PDB file of N, CA and C in Angstrom:
ATOM      1  N   ILE A   1     114.007 155.418  63.832  1.00  0.00           N
ATOM      2  CA  ILE A   1     113.897 156.574  63.100  1.00  0.00           C
ATOM      3  C   ILE A   1     112.924 156.229  61.855  1.00  0.00           C
ATOM      4  N   TYR A   2     111.902 156.917  61.588  1.00  0.00           N
ATOM      5  CA  TYR A   2     110.907 156.685  60.612  1.00  0.00           C
ATOM      6  C   TYR A   2     111.177 157.774  59.508  1.00  0.00           C
ATOM      7  N   VAL A   3     111.361 157.402  58.267  1.00  0.00           N
ATOM      8  CA  VAL A   3     111.570 158.349  57.203  1.00  0.00           C
ATOM      9  C   VAL A   3     110.121 158.603  56.670  1.00  0.00           C
ATOM     10  N   ARG A   4     109.757 159.886  56.749  1.00  0.00           N
ATOM     11  CA  ARG A   4     108.363 160.329  56.291  1.00  0.00           C
ATOM     12  C   ARG A   4     108.422 160.787  54.801  1.00  0.00           C
ATOM     13  N   LYS A   5     109.520 161.542  54.477  1.00  0.00           N
ATOM     14  CA  LYS A   5     109.677 162.082  53.137  1.00  0.00           C
ATOM     15  C   LYS A   5     111.206 162.119  52.816  1.00  0.00           C
ATOM     16  N   GLY A   6     111.498 161.853  51.604  1.00  0.00           N
ATOM     17  CA  GLY A   6     112.877 161.823  51.173  1.00  0.00           C
ATOM     18  C   GLY A   6     113.496 160.476  51.502  1.00  0.00           C
ATOM     19  N   SER A   7     114.865 160.385  51.409  1.00  0.00           N
ATOM     20  CA  SER A   7     115.604 159.200  51.807  1.00  0.00           C
ATOM     21  C   SER A   7     116.880 159.595  52.475  1.00  0.00           C
ATOM     22  N   ALA A   8     117.246 158.826  53.425  1.00  0.00           N
ATOM     23  CA  ALA A   8     118.331 159.080  54.354  1.00  0.00           C
ATOM     24  C   ALA A   8     119.376 158.032  54.287  1.00  0.00           C
ATOM     25  N   ASN A   9     120.647 158.471  54.483  1.00  0.00           N
ATOM     26  CA  ASN A   9     121.660 157.591  54.829  1.00  0.00           C
ATOM     27  C   ASN A   9     121.866 157.575  56.317  1.00  0.00           C
ATOM     28  N   MET A  10     121.822 156.533  56.872  1.00  0.00           N
ATOM     29  CA  MET A  10     122.004 156.394  58.280  1.00  0.00           C
ATOM     30  C   MET A  10     123.128 155.538  58.733  1.00  0.00           C
ATOM     31  N   ARG A  11     123.775 155.940  59.786  1.00  0.00           N
ATOM     32  CA  ARG A  11     124.924 155.191  60.203  1.00  0.00           C
ATOM     33  C   ARG A  11     124.891 155.048  61.749  1.00  0.00           C
ATOM     34  N   GLY A  12     125.003 153.822  62.183  1.00  0.00           N
ATOM     35  CA  GLY A  12     125.031 153.672  63.679  1.00  0.00           C
ATOM     36  C   GLY A  12     126.372 153.315  64.182  1.00  0.00           C
ATOM     37  N   LEU A  13     126.466 152.684  65.421  1.00  0.00           N
ATOM     38  CA  LEU A  13     127.731 152.334  66.118  1.00  0.00           C
ATOM     39  C   LEU A  13     128.524 151.396  65.205  1.00  0.00           C
ATOM     40  N   ALA A  14     127.937 150.582  64.477  1.00  0.00           N
ATOM     41  CA  ALA A  14     128.695 149.499  63.716  1.00  0.00           C
ATOM     42  C   ALA A  14     129.409 150.219  62.447  1.00  0.00           C
ATOM     43  N   GLY A  15     128.992 151.452  62.098  1.00  0.00           N
ATOM     44  CA  GLY A  15     129.668 152.202  61.049  1.00  0.00           C
ATOM     45  C   GLY A  15     129.121 151.894  59.583  1.00  0.00           C
ATOM     46  N   ASP A  16     128.217 150.864  59.457  1.00  0.00           N
ATOM     47  CA  ASP A  16     127.681 150.589  58.270  1.00  0.00           C
ATOM     48  C   ASP A  16     126.716 151.598  57.824  1.00  0.00           C
ATOM     49  N   LYS A  17     126.855 152.104  56.531  1.00  0.00           N
ATOM     50  CA  LYS A  17     125.803 153.102  56.119  1.00  0.00           C
ATOM     51  C   LYS A  17     124.584 152.317  55.437  1.00  0.00           C
ATOM     52  N   VAL A  18     123.353 152.778  55.899  1.00  0.00           N
ATOM     53  CA  VAL A  18     122.176 152.130  55.370  1.00  0.00           C
ATOM     54  C   VAL A  18     121.277 153.146  54.745  1.00  0.00           C
ATOM     55  N   LEU A  19     120.834 152.902  53.545  1.00  0.00           N
ATOM     56  CA  LEU A  19     119.845 153.868  52.917  1.00  0.00           C
ATOM     57  C   LEU A  19     118.450 153.438  53.232  1.00  0.00           C
ATOM     58  N   VAL A  20     117.693 154.393  53.849  1.00  0.00           N
ATOM     59  CA  VAL A  20     116.394 154.193  54.389  1.00  0.00           C
ATOM     60  C   VAL A  20     115.422 155.092  53.445  1.00  0.00           C
ATOM     61  N   GLN A  21     114.448 154.531  52.888  1.00  0.00           N
ATOM     62  CA  GLN A  21     113.506 155.055  51.913  1.00  0.00           C
ATOM     63  C   GLN A  21     112.349 155.625  52.690  1.00  0.00           C
ATOM     64  N   PRO A  22     111.509 156.360  51.956  1.00  0.00           N
ATOM     65  CA  PRO A  22     110.298 156.903  52.531  1.00  0.00           C
ATOM     66  C   PRO A  22     109.292 155.754  53.126  1.00  0.00           C
ATOM     67  N   GLN A  23     108.759 155.991  54.143  1.00  0.00           N
ATOM     68  CA  GLN A  23     107.812 155.084  54.747  1.00  0.00           C
ATOM     69  C   GLN A  23     108.533 153.698  55.300  1.00  0.00           C
ATOM     70  N   GLN A  24     109.860 153.883  55.492  1.00  0.00           N
ATOM     71  CA  GLN A  24     110.610 152.781  56.113  1.00  0.00           C
ATOM     72  C   GLN A  24     111.166 153.215  57.477  1.00  0.00           C
ATOM     73  N   THR A  25     111.438 152.224  58.302  1.00  0.00           N
ATOM     74  CA  THR A  25     112.022 152.490  59.590  1.00  0.00           C
ATOM     75  C   THR A  25     113.430 151.834  59.771  1.00  0.00           C
ATOM     76  N   ALA A  26     114.209 152.633  60.523  1.00  0.00           N
ATOM     77  CA  ALA A  26     115.466 152.046  60.851  1.00  0.00           C
ATOM     78  C   ALA A  26     115.507 151.996  62.413  1.00  0.00           C
ATOM     79  N   THR A  27     115.912 150.851  62.902  1.00  0.00           N
ATOM     80  CA  THR A  27     116.072 150.778  64.451  1.00  0.00           C
ATOM     81  C   THR A  27     117.549 150.545  64.797  1.00  0.00           C
ATOM     82  N   PHE A  28     117.829 151.127  65.968  1.00  0.00           N
ATOM     83  CA  PHE A  28     119.137 150.977  66.457  1.00  0.00           C
ATOM     84  C   PHE A  28     119.138 150.446  67.896  1.00  0.00           C
ATOM     85  N   GLY A  29     120.186 149.768  68.302  1.00  0.00           N
ATOM     86  CA  GLY A  29     120.279 149.157  69.618  1.00  0.00           C
ATOM     87  C   GLY A  29     120.238 150.313  70.658  1.00  0.00           C
ATOM     88  N   HIS A  30     120.099 149.805  71.872  1.00  0.00           N
ATOM     89  CA  HIS A  30     120.090 150.754  73.053  1.00  0.00           C
ATOM     90  C   HIS A  30     121.332 150.778  73.819  1.00  0.00           C
ATOM     91  N   ASN A  31     122.453 150.630  73.131  1.00  0.00           N
ATOM     92  CA  ASN A  31     123.756 150.608  73.859  1.00  0.00           C
ATOM     93  C   ASN A  31     124.416 151.981  73.762  1.00  0.00           C
ATOM     94  N   GLY A  32     123.712 153.056  73.445  1.00  0.00           N
ATOM     95  CA  GLY A  32     124.370 154.360  73.503  1.00  0.00           C
ATOM     96  C   GLY A  32     125.089 154.685  72.142  1.00  0.00           C
ATOM     97  N   GLY A  33     125.808 155.823  72.129  1.00  0.00           N
ATOM     98  CA  GLY A  33     126.650 156.093  71.013  1.00  0.00           C
ATOM     99  C   GLY A  33     125.904 157.176  70.190  1.00  0.00           C
ATOM    100  N   THR A  34     126.494 157.331  68.919  1.00  0.00           N
ATOM    101  CA  THR A  34     125.992 158.293  67.999  1.00  0.00           C
ATOM    102  C   THR A  34     125.343 157.585  66.833  1.00  0.00           C
ATOM    103  N   ILE A  35     124.246 158.332  66.364  1.00  0.00           N
ATOM    104  CA  ILE A  35     123.612 157.793  65.056  1.00  0.00           C
ATOM    105  C   ILE A  35     123.731 159.015  64.137  1.00  0.00           C
ATOM    106  N   THR A  36     124.139 158.796  62.883  1.00  0.00           N
ATOM    107  CA  THR A  36     124.317 159.849  61.919  1.00  0.00           C
ATOM    108  C   THR A  36     123.201 159.744  60.898  1.00  0.00           C
ATOM    109  N   VAL A  37     122.518 160.868  60.581  1.00  0.00           N
ATOM    110  CA  VAL A  37     121.432 160.820  59.568  1.00  0.00           C
ATOM    111  C   VAL A  37     121.763 161.876  58.624  1.00  0.00           C
ATOM    112  N   GLU A  38     121.903 161.496  57.323  1.00  0.00           N
ATOM    113  CA  GLU A  38     122.137 162.480  56.300  1.00  0.00           C
ATOM    114  C   GLU A  38     121.114 162.305  55.085  1.00  0.00           C
ATOM    115  N   ASN A  39     120.665 163.460  54.524  1.00  0.00           N
ATOM    116  CA  ASN A  39     119.970 163.453  53.460  1.00  0.00           C
ATOM    117  C   ASN A  39     120.636 162.838  52.287  1.00  0.00           C
ATOM    118  N   SER A  40     120.165 161.842  51.708  1.00  0.00           N
ATOM    119  CA  SER A  40     120.752 161.099  50.675  1.00  0.00           C
ATOM    120  C   SER A  40     120.788 161.895  49.247  1.00  0.00           C
ATOM    121  N   HIS A  41     120.012 163.072  49.177  1.00  0.00           N
ATOM    122  CA  HIS A  41     120.014 163.816  47.921  1.00  0.00           C
ATOM    123  C   HIS A  41     121.021 164.940  48.206  1.00  0.00           C
ATOM    124  N   SER A  42     121.507 165.377  47.020  1.00  0.00           N
ATOM    125  CA  SER A  42     122.500 166.526  47.175  1.00  0.00           C
ATOM    126  C   SER A  42     121.831 167.839  47.342  1.00  0.00           C
ATOM    127  N   ASN A  43     122.327 168.734  48.391  1.00  0.00           N
ATOM    128  CA  ASN A  43     121.728 169.950  48.653  1.00  0.00           C
ATOM    129  C   ASN A  43     122.267 171.058  47.690  1.00  0.00           C
ATOM    130  N   SER A  44     122.923 170.756  46.565  1.00  0.00           N
ATOM    131  CA  SER A  44     123.431 171.821  45.722  1.00  0.00           C
ATOM    132  C   SER A  44     122.270 172.714  45.115  1.00  0.00           C
ATOM    133  N   GLU A  45     121.157 172.208  45.061  1.00  0.00           N
ATOM    134  CA  GLU A  45     120.001 173.015  44.437  1.00  0.00           C
ATOM    135  C   GLU A  45     119.656 174.166  45.352  1.00  0.00           C
ATOM    136  N   SER A  46     119.813 173.975  46.664  1.00  0.00           N
ATOM    137  CA  SER A  46     119.491 174.992  47.622  1.00  0.00           C
ATOM    138  C   SER A  46     120.358 176.174  47.539  1.00  0.00           C
ATOM    139  N   ALA A  47     121.576 176.039  47.042  1.00  0.00           N
ATOM    140  CA  ALA A  47     122.562 177.209  46.987  1.00  0.00           C
ATOM    141  C   ALA A  47     122.164 178.086  45.983  1.00  0.00           C
ATOM    142  N   ASN A  48     121.492 177.642  44.861  1.00  0.00           N
ATOM    143  CA  ASN A  48     121.098 178.580  43.738  1.00  0.00           C
ATOM    144  C   ASN A  48     119.718 179.077  43.889  1.00  0.00           C
ATOM    145  N   GLY A  49     119.001 178.840  44.977  1.00  0.00           N
ATOM    146  CA  GLY A  49     117.664 179.365  45.272  1.00  0.00           C
ATOM    147  C   GLY A  49     116.613 178.683  44.568  1.00  0.00           C
ATOM    148  N   ASN A  50     116.751 177.552  44.097  1.00  0.00           N
ATOM    149  CA  ASN A  50     115.732 176.822  43.395  1.00  0.00           C
ATOM    150  C   ASN A  50     114.890 176.026  44.491  1.00  0.00           C
ATOM    151  N   SER A  51     113.904 176.683  44.925  1.00  0.00           N
ATOM    152  CA  SER A  51     113.069 176.106  46.129  1.00  0.00           C
ATOM    153  C   SER A  51     112.234 174.911  45.732  1.00  0.00           C
ATOM    154  N   GLN A  52     111.830 174.816  44.379  1.00  0.00           N
ATOM    155  CA  GLN A  52     111.021 173.687  43.979  1.00  0.00           C
ATOM    156  C   GLN A  52     111.918 172.529  44.111  1.00  0.00           C
ATOM    157  N   LYS A  53     113.112 172.466  43.603  1.00  0.00           N
ATOM    158  CA  LYS A  53     114.062 171.337  43.718  1.00  0.00           C
ATOM    159  C   LYS A  53     114.409 171.066  45.205  1.00  0.00           C
ATOM    160  N   GLN A  54     114.595 172.069  45.896  1.00  0.00           N
ATOM    161  CA  GLN A  54     114.960 171.992  47.314  1.00  0.00           C
ATOM    162  C   GLN A  54     113.969 171.275  48.040  1.00  0.00           C
ATOM    163  N   ASP A  55     112.616 171.554  47.848  1.00  0.00           N
ATOM    164  CA  ASP A  55     111.524 170.845  48.515  1.00  0.00           C
ATOM    165  C   ASP A  55     111.328 169.491  48.145  1.00  0.00           C
ATOM    166  N   LYS A  56     111.649 169.125  46.759  1.00  0.00           N
ATOM    167  CA  LYS A  56     111.605 167.873  46.340  1.00  0.00           C
ATOM    168  C   LYS A  56     112.671 166.861  47.010  1.00  0.00           C
ATOM    169  N   ASN A  57     113.761 167.613  47.360  1.00  0.00           N
ATOM    170  CA  ASN A  57     114.860 166.761  48.030  1.00  0.00           C
ATOM    171  C   ASN A  57     114.830 166.814  49.448  1.00  0.00           C
ATOM    172  N   ALA A  58     113.753 167.385  50.019  1.00  0.00           N
ATOM    173  CA  ALA A  58     113.741 167.677  51.535  1.00  0.00           C
ATOM    174  C   ALA A  58     113.610 166.138  52.307  1.00  0.00           C
ATOM    175  N   LEU A  59     114.247 166.125  53.425  1.00  0.00           N
ATOM    176  CA  LEU A  59     114.082 164.978  54.235  1.00  0.00           C
ATOM    177  C   LEU A  59     113.352 165.254  55.425  1.00  0.00           C
ATOM    178  N   ASP A  60     112.325 164.390  55.714  1.00  0.00           N
ATOM    179  CA  ASP A  60     111.519 164.568  56.898  1.00  0.00           C
ATOM    180  C   ASP A  60     111.486 163.282  57.628  1.00  0.00           C
ATOM    181  N   ILE A  61     111.995 163.302  58.836  1.00  0.00           N
ATOM    182  CA  ILE A  61     112.024 162.072  59.655  1.00  0.00           C
ATOM    183  C   ILE A  61     111.359 162.280  61.035  1.00  0.00           C
ATOM    184  N   LEU A  62     110.950 161.106  61.502  1.00  0.00           N
ATOM    185  CA  LEU A  62     110.292 161.131  62.913  1.00  0.00           C
ATOM    186  C   LEU A  62     111.252 160.296  63.786  1.00  0.00           C
ATOM    187  N   LEU A  63     111.737 160.885  64.867  1.00  0.00           N
ATOM    188  CA  LEU A  63     112.700 160.155  65.793  1.00  0.00           C
ATOM    189  C   LEU A  63     111.887 159.806  67.010  1.00  0.00           C
ATOM    190  N   LEU A  64     111.906 158.506  67.352  1.00  0.00           N
ATOM    191  CA  LEU A  64     111.227 158.003  68.512  1.00  0.00           C
ATOM    192  C   LEU A  64     112.153 157.255  69.240  1.00  0.00           C
ATOM    193  N   MET A  65     112.164 157.503  70.602  1.00  0.00           N
ATOM    194  CA  MET A  65     113.061 156.789  71.445  1.00  0.00           C
ATOM    195  C   MET A  65     112.368 156.441  72.733  1.00  0.00           C
ATOM    196  N   ALA A  66     112.812 155.406  73.512  1.00  0.00           N
ATOM    197  CA  ALA A  66     112.131 155.049  74.710  1.00  0.00           C
ATOM    198  C   ALA A  66     113.083 154.104  75.579  1.00  0.00           C
ATOM    199  N   THR A  67     112.913 153.885  76.721  1.00  0.00           N
ATOM    200  CA  THR A  67     113.628 152.934  77.433  1.00  0.00           C
ATOM    201  C   THR A  67     113.164 151.561  77.020  1.00  0.00           C
ATOM    202  N   PRO A  68     114.104 150.646  76.765  1.00  0.00           N
ATOM    203  CA  PRO A  68     113.678 149.182  76.256  1.00  0.00           C
ATOM    204  C   PRO A  68     112.731 148.523  77.282  1.00  0.00           C
ATOM    205  N   MET A  69     111.767 147.921  76.821  1.00  0.00           N
ATOM    206  CA  MET A  69     110.766 147.269  77.697  1.00  0.00           C
ATOM    207  C   MET A  69     111.393 145.992  78.301  1.00  0.00           C
ATOM    208  N   GLU A  70     112.211 145.381  77.726  1.00  0.00           N
ATOM    209  CA  GLU A  70     112.897 144.155  78.277  1.00  0.00           C
ATOM    210  C   GLU A  70     111.925 143.012  78.637  1.00  0.00           C
ATOM    211  N   GLU A  71     110.769 142.936  77.803  1.00  0.00           N
ATOM    212  CA  GLU A  71     109.873 141.796  77.919  1.00  0.00           C
ATOM    213  C   GLU A  71     109.452 141.290  76.630  1.00  0.00           C
ATOM    214  N   PRO A  72     108.814 140.058  76.505  1.00  0.00           N
ATOM    215  CA  PRO A  72     108.598 139.534  75.199  1.00  0.00           C
ATOM    216  C   PRO A  72     107.472 140.342  74.508  1.00  0.00           C
ATOM    217  N   ILE A  73     107.470 140.239  73.181  1.00  0.00           N
ATOM    218  CA  ILE A  73     106.533 140.968  72.351  1.00  0.00           C
ATOM    219  C   ILE A  73     105.873 139.888  71.324  1.00  0.00           C
ATOM    220  N   SER A  74     104.625 139.981  71.227  1.00  0.00           N
ATOM    221  CA  SER A  74     103.934 139.105  70.181  1.00  0.00           C
ATOM    222  C   SER A  74     102.957 139.971  69.562  1.00  0.00           C
ATOM    223  N   GLN A  75     102.992 140.013  68.156  1.00  0.00           N
ATOM    224  CA  GLN A  75     102.198 140.842  67.342  1.00  0.00           C
ATOM    225  C   GLN A  75     101.407 140.060  66.306  1.00  0.00           C
ATOM    226  N   ALA A  76     100.284 140.434  65.973  1.00  0.00           N
ATOM    227  CA  ALA A  76      99.427 139.868  64.907  1.00  0.00           C
ATOM    228  C   ALA A  76      98.515 141.008  64.405  1.00  0.00           C
ATOM    229  N   GLY A  77      98.722 141.373  63.240  1.00  0.00           N
ATOM    230  CA  GLY A  77      97.814 142.603  62.729  1.00  0.00           C
ATOM    231  C   GLY A  77      98.172 143.819  63.548  1.00  0.00           C
ATOM    232  N   PRO A  78      97.113 144.618  63.993  1.00  0.00           N
ATOM    233  CA  PRO A  78      97.346 145.765  64.789  1.00  0.00           C
ATOM    234  C   PRO A  78      97.430 145.451  66.293  1.00  0.00           C
ATOM    235  N   ILE A  79      97.343 144.343  66.713  1.00  0.00           N
ATOM    236  CA  ILE A  79      97.335 143.893  68.057  1.00  0.00           C
ATOM    237  C   ILE A  79      98.779 143.414  68.573  1.00  0.00           C
ATOM    238  N   VAL A  80      99.287 144.039  69.571  1.00  0.00           N
ATOM    239  CA  VAL A  80     100.564 143.758  70.127  1.00  0.00           C
ATOM    240  C   VAL A  80     100.260 143.378  71.686  1.00  0.00           C
ATOM    241  N   MET A  81     100.814 142.236  71.945  1.00  0.00           N
ATOM    242  CA  MET A  81     100.784 141.751  73.367  1.00  0.00           C
ATOM    243  C   MET A  81     102.037 141.177  73.842  1.00  0.00           C
ATOM    244  N   ASN A  82     102.143 140.545  74.956  1.00  0.00           N
ATOM    245  CA  ASN A  82     103.310 139.778  75.386  1.00  0.00           C
ATOM    246  C   ASN A  82     103.397 138.354  74.952  1.00  0.00           C
ATOM    247  N   THR A  83     102.271 137.674  74.686  1.00  0.00           N
ATOM    248  CA  THR A  83     102.360 136.285  74.187  1.00  0.00           C
ATOM    249  C   THR A  83     101.362 136.103  73.103  1.00  0.00           C
ATOM    250  N   ALA A  84     101.495 134.983  72.391  1.00  0.00           N
ATOM    251  CA  ALA A  84     100.504 134.671  71.372  1.00  0.00           C
ATOM    252  C   ALA A  84      99.165 134.398  71.857  1.00  0.00           C
ATOM    253  N   ALA A  85      99.186 133.794  73.085  1.00  0.00           N
ATOM    254  CA  ALA A  85      97.886 133.520  73.774  1.00  0.00           C
ATOM    255  C   ALA A  85      97.043 134.790  74.105  1.00  0.00           C
ATOM    256  N   GLU A  86      97.789 135.803  74.472  1.00  0.00           N
ATOM    257  CA  GLU A  86      97.123 137.156  74.809  1.00  0.00           C
ATOM    258  C   GLU A  86      96.593 137.698  73.472  1.00  0.00           C
ATOM    259  N   VAL A  87      97.358 137.620  72.459  1.00  0.00           N
ATOM    260  CA  VAL A  87      96.888 138.192  71.126  1.00  0.00           C
ATOM    261  C   VAL A  87      95.610 137.363  70.727  1.00  0.00           C
ATOM    262  N   ASN A  88      95.682 136.101  70.817  1.00  0.00           N
ATOM    263  CA  ASN A  88      94.446 135.289  70.542  1.00  0.00           C
ATOM    264  C   ASN A  88      93.199 135.744  71.367  1.00  0.00           C
ATOM    265  N   ASP A  89      93.491 135.925  72.639  1.00  0.00           N
ATOM    266  CA  ASP A  89      92.359 136.358  73.596  1.00  0.00           C
ATOM    267  C   ASP A  89      91.875 137.717  73.133  1.00  0.00           C
ATOM    268  N   ALA A  90      92.746 138.710  72.662  1.00  0.00           N
ATOM    269  CA  ALA A  90      92.367 139.972  72.283  1.00  0.00           C
ATOM    270  C   ALA A  90      91.458 139.856  70.964  1.00  0.00           C
ATOM    271  N   TYR A  91      91.795 139.021  70.067  1.00  0.00           N
ATOM    272  CA  TYR A  91      90.916 138.809  68.821  1.00  0.00           C
ATOM    273  C   TYR A  91      89.605 138.172  69.241  1.00  0.00           C
ATOM    274  N   GLN A  92      89.612 137.208  70.253  1.00  0.00           N
ATOM    275  CA  GLN A  92      88.310 136.658  70.682  1.00  0.00           C
ATOM    276  C   GLN A  92      87.470 137.742  71.350  1.00  0.00           C
ATOM    277  N   GLN A  93      88.044 138.549  72.142  1.00  0.00           N
ATOM    278  CA  GLN A  93      87.349 139.696  72.707  1.00  0.00           C
ATOM    279  C   GLN A  93      86.752 140.670  71.703  1.00  0.00           C
ATOM    280  N   LEU A  94      87.517 140.973  70.582  1.00  0.00           N
ATOM    281  CA  LEU A  94      87.062 141.805  69.531  1.00  0.00           C
ATOM    282  C   LEU A  94      85.770 141.186  68.835  1.00  0.00           C
ATOM    283  N   GLU A  95      85.910 139.850  68.710  1.00  0.00           N
ATOM    284  CA  GLU A  95      84.736 139.126  68.098  1.00  0.00           C
ATOM    285  C   GLU A  95      83.445 139.175  69.008  1.00  0.00           C
ATOM    286  N   ASP A  96      83.699 139.049  70.324  1.00  0.00           N
ATOM    287  CA  ASP A  96      82.656 138.975  71.367  1.00  0.00           C
ATOM    288  C   ASP A  96      82.160 140.366  71.668  1.00  0.00           C
ATOM    289  N   GLY A  97      82.889 141.460  71.265  1.00  0.00           N
ATOM    290  CA  GLY A  97      82.459 142.728  71.642  1.00  0.00           C
ATOM    291  C   GLY A  97      82.872 143.262  72.965  1.00  0.00           C
ATOM    292  N   THR A  98      83.798 142.541  73.581  1.00  0.00           N
ATOM    293  CA  THR A  98      84.168 142.855  75.005  1.00  0.00           C
ATOM    294  C   THR A  98      85.653 143.353  75.038  1.00  0.00           C
ATOM    295  N   PHE A  99      86.233 143.606  73.866  1.00  0.00           N
ATOM    296  CA  PHE A  99      87.669 144.138  73.944  1.00  0.00           C
ATOM    297  C   PHE A  99      87.698 145.456  74.613  1.00  0.00           C
ATOM    298  N   LEU A 100      88.582 145.576  75.675  1.00  0.00           N
ATOM    299  CA  LEU A 100      88.744 146.825  76.384  1.00  0.00           C
ATOM    300  C   LEU A 100      87.547 147.259  77.248  1.00  0.00           C
ATOM    301  N   ASN A 101      86.658 146.409  77.474  1.00  0.00           N
ATOM    302  CA  ASN A 101      85.494 146.746  78.317  1.00  0.00           C
ATOM    303  C   ASN A 101      86.104 146.613  79.680  1.00  0.00           C
ATOM    304  N   ARG A 102      85.717 147.561  80.635  1.00  0.00           N
ATOM    305  CA  ARG A 102      86.148 147.454  81.987  1.00  0.00           C
ATOM    306  C   ARG A 102      84.932 147.726  82.907  1.00  0.00           C
TER     307      ARG A 102
END
């Protein structure tokens, strides 16, 4: 779960509450269950119609999920491969101008 705006209290299967700030990511295991996401700011301003404060306290998240890949991951900068050797090859191909040429 990526927090785009606002801050969120998140709770996973372990029950520990974690505060996730803007432009931070929280990851959870793939063992099923419930994840709770709450806006960490009080919503009391929305009851009195103060839309400016309401917008300031808005929470905007991006939820991404997928089946686990179950394979090794090696990352350096923007390049992600399965092994460090593949990452090094990709950087060499970038230098040579042959990256992704088919």
